[in-house]
């Protein structure tokens, strides 16, 4: 942590230096947002969730990167309450606790990544969601036990324009990017 933006101690005014959560993923990658009004607050509040953020980076994102041998583009990781609300996301989202990430890998079909996560990862993920909105799509993955109840783990969902299809075992994702 560097310093404070103002003299008042408020978490949202804390400026944080970047650091590694794992060999290939940094704190800034998992706390970034395009909404600059929430950036400092988001990073300051994320400091309370370093344990799950490290697990997310180490146990899920690193094995994906190793398998596909390409950088993973994180589009959303930790979200403070205000940011999460502004995005219209659920109040129970695992993003609020640093337990989820949305991502894609350039040049790799989402169905290949999903297949690996479901069949080969060997990690008890929470939710795996293939999300599509307009002309973009991404993969959402969250931590499983002990961060999520065991009976709610390995949940596989496909969301397309506010419609979702759920299959806790297998999902055919071949019609996606």
C-alpha atoms as a PDB file:
ATOM      1  CA  UNK A   1       0.000   0.000   0.000  1.00  0.00           C
ATOM      2  CA  UNK A   2       1.367   3.387  -0.926  1.00  0.00           C
ATOM      3  CA  UNK A   3      -0.562   6.182   0.704  1.00  0.00           C
ATOM      4  CA  UNK A   4      -3.954   7.765   1.174  1.00  0.00           C
ATOM      5  CA  UNK A   5      -5.662  10.008  -1.356  1.00  0.00           C
ATOM      6  CA  UNK A   6      -7.256  12.069   1.403  1.00  0.00           C
ATOM      7  CA  UNK A   7      -6.520  12.687   5.073  1.00  0.00           C
ATOM      8  CA  UNK A   8      -9.603  10.731   6.107  1.00  0.00           C
ATOM      9  CA  UNK A   9      -9.150   7.005   6.523  1.00  0.00           C
ATOM     10  CA  UNK A  10     -11.662   5.442   4.201  1.00  0.00           C
ATOM     11  CA  UNK A  11     -11.066   2.131   2.457  1.00  0.00           C
ATOM     12  CA  UNK A  12     -12.218   3.528  -0.865  1.00  0.00           C
ATOM     13  CA  UNK A  13      -9.490   6.189  -0.773  1.00  0.00           C
ATOM     14  CA  UNK A  14      -6.646   3.763  -0.151  1.00  0.00           C
ATOM     15  CA  UNK A  15      -4.177   3.430  -3.025  1.00  0.00           C
ATOM     16  CA  UNK A  16      -2.731  -0.041  -3.415  1.00  0.00           C
ATOM     17  CA  UNK A  17       0.395  -1.209  -5.252  1.00  0.00           C
ATOM     18  CA  UNK A  18       0.113  -4.215  -7.536  1.00  0.00           C
ATOM     19  CA  UNK A  19       1.495  -7.603  -6.465  1.00  0.00           C
ATOM     20  CA  UNK A  20       1.401 -11.207  -7.638  1.00  0.00           C
ATOM     21  CA  UNK A  21      -1.306 -13.567  -6.439  1.00  0.00           C
ATOM     22  CA  UNK A  22       0.284 -16.434  -8.392  1.00  0.00           C
ATOM     23  CA  UNK A  23       3.056 -16.780 -10.979  1.00  0.00           C
ATOM     24  CA  UNK A  24       0.934 -15.363 -13.837  1.00  0.00           C
ATOM     25  CA  UNK A  25      -1.854 -13.364 -12.141  1.00  0.00           C
ATOM     26  CA  UNK A  26      -1.679 -10.080 -10.281  1.00  0.00           C
ATOM     27  CA  UNK A  27      -3.906  -8.360  -7.776  1.00  0.00           C
ATOM     28  CA  UNK A  28      -4.619  -5.587 -10.317  1.00  0.00           C
ATOM     29  CA  UNK A  29      -5.785  -8.121 -12.941  1.00  0.00           C
ATOM     30  CA  UNK A  30      -8.317  -9.589 -10.536  1.00  0.00           C
ATOM     31  CA  UNK A  31      -9.549  -6.209  -9.259  1.00  0.00           C
ATOM     32  CA  UNK A  32      -9.647  -4.105 -12.426  1.00  0.00           C
ATOM     33  CA  UNK A  33     -12.766  -2.388 -13.711  1.00  0.00           C
ATOM     34  CA  UNK A  34     -13.558  -0.147 -16.663  1.00  0.00           C
ATOM     35  CA  UNK A  35     -15.647   1.953 -14.270  1.00  0.00           C
ATOM     36  CA  UNK A  36     -12.934   4.340 -13.022  1.00  0.00           C
ATOM     37  CA  UNK A  37     -15.252   5.707 -10.321  1.00  0.00           C
ATOM     38  CA  UNK A  38     -14.998   2.379  -8.487  1.00  0.00           C
ATOM     39  CA  UNK A  39     -11.385   1.403  -9.207  1.00  0.00           C
ATOM     40  CA  UNK A  40      -9.695   2.575  -5.972  1.00  0.00           C
ATOM     41  CA  UNK A  41     -12.599   1.446  -3.791  1.00  0.00           C
ATOM     42  CA  UNK A  42     -12.678  -1.922  -5.540  1.00  0.00           C
ATOM     43  CA  UNK A  43      -8.969  -2.531  -4.965  1.00  0.00           C
ATOM     44  CA  UNK A  44      -9.013  -1.293  -1.381  1.00  0.00           C
ATOM     45  CA  UNK A  45     -11.965  -3.506  -0.426  1.00  0.00           C
ATOM     46  CA  UNK A  46     -10.434  -6.499  -2.231  1.00  0.00           C
ATOM     47  CA  UNK A  47      -7.579  -6.505   0.282  1.00  0.00           C
ATOM     48  CA  UNK A  48      -9.986  -8.192   2.723  1.00  0.00           C
ATOM     49  CA  UNK A  49     -10.351 -11.100   0.274  1.00  0.00           C
ATOM     50  CA  UNK A  50      -6.762 -12.043  -0.509  1.00  0.00           C
ATOM     51  CA  UNK A  51      -7.171 -15.689   0.549  1.00  0.00           C
ATOM     52  CA  UNK A  52      -9.929 -16.506  -1.968  1.00  0.00           C
ATOM     53  CA  UNK A  53      -8.279 -14.362  -4.667  1.00  0.00           C
ATOM     54  CA  UNK A  54      -5.048 -16.368  -4.243  1.00  0.00           C
ATOM     55  CA  UNK A  55      -6.987 -19.652  -4.429  1.00  0.00           C
ATOM     56  CA  UNK A  56      -8.778 -18.451  -7.562  1.00  0.00           C
ATOM     57  CA  UNK A  57      -5.486 -17.507  -9.213  1.00  0.00           C
ATOM     58  CA  UNK A  58      -3.533 -20.579  -8.085  1.00  0.00           C
ATOM     59  CA  UNK A  59      -6.090 -23.406  -8.126  1.00  0.00           C
ATOM     60  CA  UNK A  60      -8.193 -22.446 -11.159  1.00  0.00           C
ATOM     61  CA  UNK A  61      -6.602 -19.804 -13.381  1.00  0.00           C
ATOM     62  CA  UNK A  62      -3.030 -21.160 -13.330  1.00  0.00           C
ATOM     63  CA  UNK A  63      -4.086 -24.693 -14.436  1.00  0.00           C
ATOM     64  CA  UNK A  64      -6.155 -23.175 -17.274  1.00  0.00           C
ATOM     65  CA  UNK A  65      -3.173 -21.110 -18.420  1.00  0.00           C
ATOM     66  CA  UNK A  66      -0.892 -24.135 -18.209  1.00  0.00           C
ATOM     67  CA  UNK A  67      -3.289 -26.291 -20.236  1.00  0.00           C
ATOM     68  CA  UNK A  68      -3.816 -23.804 -23.087  1.00  0.00           C
ATOM     69  CA  UNK A  69      -0.367 -22.158 -22.915  1.00  0.00           C
ATOM     70  CA  UNK A  70      -1.836 -18.727 -23.587  1.00  0.00           C
ATOM     71  CA  UNK A  71      -2.586 -15.675 -21.434  1.00  0.00           C
ATOM     72  CA  UNK A  72      -6.029 -15.520 -19.851  1.00  0.00           C
ATOM     73  CA  UNK A  73      -7.868 -12.227 -20.266  1.00  0.00           C
ATOM     74  CA  UNK A  74      -9.698 -11.434 -17.016  1.00  0.00           C
ATOM     75  CA  UNK A  75     -12.736  -9.251 -17.667  1.00  0.00           C
ATOM     76  CA  UNK A  76     -14.015  -9.242 -14.090  1.00  0.00           C
ATOM     77  CA  UNK A  77     -12.732 -10.550 -10.782  1.00  0.00           C
ATOM     78  CA  UNK A  78     -13.416  -9.056  -7.370  1.00  0.00           C
ATOM     79  CA  UNK A  79     -16.234  -6.508  -7.287  1.00  0.00           C
ATOM     80  CA  UNK A  80     -17.056  -4.192  -4.404  1.00  0.00           C
ATOM     81  CA  UNK A  81     -20.762  -3.881  -3.626  1.00  0.00           C
ATOM     82  CA  UNK A  82     -21.204  -0.586  -5.499  1.00  0.00           C
ATOM     83  CA  UNK A  83     -19.536  -1.884  -8.638  1.00  0.00           C
ATOM     84  CA  UNK A  84     -21.454  -5.153  -8.484  1.00  0.00           C
ATOM     85  CA  UNK A  85     -24.747  -3.275  -8.103  1.00  0.00           C
ATOM     86  CA  UNK A  86     -23.915  -0.924 -10.994  1.00  0.00           C
ATOM     87  CA  UNK A  87     -23.430  -3.991 -13.212  1.00  0.00           C
ATOM     88  CA  UNK A  88     -26.831  -5.382 -12.208  1.00  0.00           C
ATOM     89  CA  UNK A  89     -25.279  -8.485 -10.695  1.00  0.00           C
ATOM     90  CA  UNK A  90     -26.688 -10.576  -7.848  1.00  0.00           C
ATOM     91  CA  UNK A  91     -26.173  -9.590  -4.194  1.00  0.00           C
ATOM     92  CA  UNK A  92     -24.979 -13.168  -3.622  1.00  0.00           C
ATOM     93  CA  UNK A  93     -22.378 -13.109  -6.417  1.00  0.00           C
ATOM     94  CA  UNK A  94     -19.101 -14.770  -5.518  1.00  0.00           C
ATOM     95  CA  UNK A  95     -17.396 -11.799  -7.204  1.00  0.00           C
ATOM     96  CA  UNK A  96     -18.241  -9.847  -4.009  1.00  0.00           C
ATOM     97  CA  UNK A  97     -15.950 -12.147  -1.999  1.00  0.00           C
ATOM     98  CA  UNK A  98     -13.097 -12.527  -4.492  1.00  0.00           C
ATOM     99  CA  UNK A  99     -14.217 -16.053  -5.301  1.00  0.00           C
ATOM    100  CA  UNK A 100     -15.052 -15.663  -9.017  1.00  0.00           C
ATOM    101  CA  UNK A 101     -13.571 -14.495 -12.292  1.00  0.00           C
ATOM    102  CA  UNK A 102     -14.925 -13.864 -15.775  1.00  0.00           C
ATOM    103  CA  UNK A 103     -12.421 -14.504 -18.549  1.00  0.00           C
ATOM    104  CA  UNK A 104     -11.651 -15.627 -22.072  1.00  0.00           C
ATOM    105  CA  UNK A 105      -8.588 -16.849 -23.940  1.00  0.00           C
ATOM    106  CA  UNK A 106      -7.872 -15.297 -27.337  1.00  0.00           C
ATOM    107  CA  UNK A 107      -7.867 -17.914 -30.069  1.00  0.00           C
ATOM    108  CA  UNK A 108      -9.306 -20.714 -27.910  1.00  0.00           C
ATOM    109  CA  UNK A 109     -12.945 -21.749 -28.325  1.00  0.00           C
ATOM    110  CA  UNK A 110     -14.948 -21.435 -25.112  1.00  0.00           C
ATOM    111  CA  UNK A 111     -16.265 -24.997 -25.496  1.00  0.00           C
ATOM    112  CA  UNK A 112     -12.684 -26.352 -25.267  1.00  0.00           C
ATOM    113  CA  UNK A 113     -12.066 -24.410 -22.066  1.00  0.00           C
ATOM    114  CA  UNK A 114     -15.389 -25.504 -20.567  1.00  0.00           C
ATOM    115  CA  UNK A 115     -14.712 -29.147 -21.466  1.00  0.00           C
ATOM    116  CA  UNK A 116     -11.332 -28.950 -19.707  1.00  0.00           C
ATOM    117  CA  UNK A 117     -12.870 -27.341 -16.612  1.00  0.00           C
ATOM    118  CA  UNK A 118     -15.677 -29.905 -16.355  1.00  0.00           C
ATOM    119  CA  UNK A 119     -13.737 -33.038 -17.266  1.00  0.00           C
ATOM    120  CA  UNK A 120     -10.057 -32.475 -16.508  1.00  0.00           C
ATOM    121  CA  UNK A 121      -9.420 -29.698 -13.995  1.00  0.00           C
ATOM    122  CA  UNK A 122      -9.768 -31.899 -10.917  1.00  0.00           C
ATOM    123  CA  UNK A 123     -10.806 -28.912  -8.821  1.00  0.00           C
ATOM    124  CA  UNK A 124     -14.233 -28.661  -7.269  1.00  0.00           C
ATOM    125  CA  UNK A 125     -15.356 -25.385  -8.826  1.00  0.00           C
ATOM    126  CA  UNK A 126     -18.534 -23.656  -7.683  1.00  0.00           C
ATOM    127  CA  UNK A 127     -20.244 -22.331 -10.789  1.00  0.00           C
ATOM    128  CA  UNK A 128     -19.107 -22.544 -14.377  1.00  0.00           C
ATOM    129  CA  UNK A 129     -21.155 -20.218 -16.554  1.00  0.00           C
ATOM    130  CA  UNK A 130     -20.786 -19.629 -20.261  1.00  0.00           C
ATOM    131  CA  UNK A 131     -22.234 -16.144 -20.691  1.00  0.00           C
ATOM    132  CA  UNK A 132     -23.192 -14.532 -23.987  1.00  0.00           C
ATOM    133  CA  UNK A 133     -24.508 -11.015 -24.401  1.00  0.00           C
ATOM    134  CA  UNK A 134     -24.926  -9.381 -27.800  1.00  0.00           C
ATOM    135  CA  UNK A 135     -21.726 -10.127 -29.723  1.00  0.00           C
ATOM    136  CA  UNK A 136     -19.485 -10.973 -26.784  1.00  0.00           C
ATOM    137  CA  UNK A 137     -19.098 -14.016 -24.613  1.00  0.00           C
ATOM    138  CA  UNK A 138     -16.988 -15.078 -21.658  1.00  0.00           C
ATOM    139  CA  UNK A 139     -16.585 -17.808 -19.073  1.00  0.00           C
ATOM    140  CA  UNK A 140     -17.432 -17.288 -15.406  1.00  0.00           C
ATOM    141  CA  UNK A 141     -15.789 -19.626 -12.896  1.00  0.00           C
ATOM    142  CA  UNK A 142     -16.031 -19.570  -9.114  1.00  0.00           C
ATOM    143  CA  UNK A 143     -14.408 -21.396  -6.237  1.00  0.00           C
ATOM    144  CA  UNK A 144     -16.063 -24.498  -4.842  1.00  0.00           C
ATOM    145  CA  UNK A 145     -15.728 -25.890  -1.314  1.00  0.00           C
ATOM    146  CA  UNK A 146     -14.924 -24.577   1.238  1.00  0.00           C
ATOM    147  CA  UNK A 147     -15.979 -21.256  -0.276  1.00  0.00           C
ATOM    148  CA  UNK A 148     -19.328 -22.557  -1.565  1.00  0.00           C
ATOM    149  CA  UNK A 149     -21.637 -25.241  -0.150  1.00  0.00           C
ATOM    150  CA  UNK A 150     -20.736 -28.681  -1.520  1.00  0.00           C
ATOM    151  CA  UNK A 151     -24.254 -29.293  -2.860  1.00  0.00           C
ATOM    152  CA  UNK A 152     -23.998 -26.072  -4.911  1.00  0.00           C
ATOM    153  CA  UNK A 153     -20.674 -27.005  -6.531  1.00  0.00           C
ATOM    154  CA  UNK A 154     -19.940 -28.127 -10.095  1.00  0.00           C
ATOM    155  CA  UNK A 155     -22.953 -26.210 -11.325  1.00  0.00           C
ATOM    156  CA  UNK A 156     -22.716 -25.712 -15.102  1.00  0.00           C
ATOM    157  CA  UNK A 157     -24.869 -22.996 -16.655  1.00  0.00           C
ATOM    158  CA  UNK A 158     -25.220 -21.411 -20.061  1.00  0.00           C
ATOM    159  CA  UNK A 159     -26.681 -17.901 -20.206  1.00  0.00           C
ATOM    160  CA  UNK A 160     -27.671 -16.297 -23.488  1.00  0.00           C
ATOM    161  CA  UNK A 161     -29.494 -12.951 -23.450  1.00  0.00           C
ATOM    162  CA  UNK A 162     -31.011 -13.407 -19.975  1.00  0.00           C
ATOM    163  CA  UNK A 163     -32.061 -17.009 -20.638  1.00  0.00           C
ATOM    164  CA  UNK A 164     -30.148 -19.733 -18.878  1.00  0.00           C
ATOM    165  CA  UNK A 165     -29.836 -23.464 -19.271  1.00  0.00           C
ATOM    166  CA  UNK A 166     -28.499 -25.546 -16.436  1.00  0.00           C
ATOM    167  CA  UNK A 167     -26.901 -28.961 -16.378  1.00  0.00           C
ATOM    168  CA  UNK A 168     -24.953 -30.027 -13.300  1.00  0.00           C
ATOM    169  CA  UNK A 169     -23.073 -32.721 -15.214  1.00  0.00           C
ATOM    170  CA  UNK A 170     -22.436 -31.855 -18.866  1.00  0.00           C
ATOM    171  CA  UNK A 171     -23.475 -29.097 -21.239  1.00  0.00           C
ATOM    172  CA  UNK A 172     -23.094 -28.968 -24.990  1.00  0.00           C
ATOM    173  CA  UNK A 173     -21.245 -25.742 -25.667  1.00  0.00           C
ATOM    174  CA  UNK A 174     -20.352 -26.451 -29.274  1.00  0.00           C
ATOM    175  CA  UNK A 175     -22.589 -23.651 -30.611  1.00  0.00           C
ATOM    176  CA  UNK A 176     -20.563 -20.954 -28.855  1.00  0.00           C
ATOM    177  CA  UNK A 177     -17.514 -18.890 -29.742  1.00  0.00           C
END
